[in-house]
Amino acid sequence: NKRVKPIIIDPGLYELEKSEILWLPKQRSMPTAFRLFT
């Protein structure tokens, strides 16, 4: 889905410490493990 940009990763999901959200400049294909509701 080209409408889903940019890719956002919340480090809080992976780390116990609260940190800022990482914005990835690279574009990746959408994971097939879940669907986005737009």
Protein backbone atom coordinates (compact mmCIF):
# COMPACT_ATOMS: atom_id res chain seq x y z
CA ASN A 1 0.00 0.00 0.00
CA LYS A 2 1.69 3.16 -1.21
CA ARG A 3 -0.44 5.31 1.10
CA VAL A 4 1.29 3.96 4.17
CA LYS A 5 4.31 6.24 4.68
CA PRO A 6 6.56 6.80 6.36
CA ILE A 7 7.45 3.78 8.47
CA ILE A 8 7.16 4.50 12.18
CA ILE A 9 8.65 2.32 14.89
CA ASP A 10 7.90 2.91 18.55
CA PRO A 11 10.92 1.80 20.61
CA GLY A 12 8.60 1.57 23.63
CA LEU A 13 7.24 -1.63 22.13
CA TYR A 14 10.65 -3.25 22.30
CA GLU A 15 12.35 -1.52 25.21
CA LEU A 16 11.37 -0.95 28.81
CA GLU A 17 12.74 2.56 28.67
CA LYS A 18 10.62 5.25 27.06
CA SER A 19 12.32 6.78 24.06
CA GLU A 20 11.38 8.87 21.06
CA ILE A 21 9.64 7.37 18.06
CA LEU A 22 12.01 6.44 15.25
CA TRP A 23 11.18 7.58 11.73
CA LEU A 24 12.77 5.32 9.16
CA PRO A 25 13.69 7.08 5.89
CA LYS A 26 13.74 3.82 3.97
CA GLN A 27 10.57 2.45 2.42
CA ARG A 28 9.67 -1.17 3.06
CA SER A 29 6.98 -3.45 1.77
CA MET A 30 4.01 -3.92 4.05
CA PRO A 31 4.18 -6.95 6.38
CA THR A 32 1.64 -9.63 5.58
CA ALA A 33 1.20 -10.57 9.23
CA PHE A 34 -1.43 -7.89 9.73
CA ARG A 35 -3.74 -5.60 7.79
CA LEU A 36 -4.05 -1.85 8.09
CA PHE A 37 -7.49 -0.36 8.49
CA THR A 38 -7.65 2.83 6.44
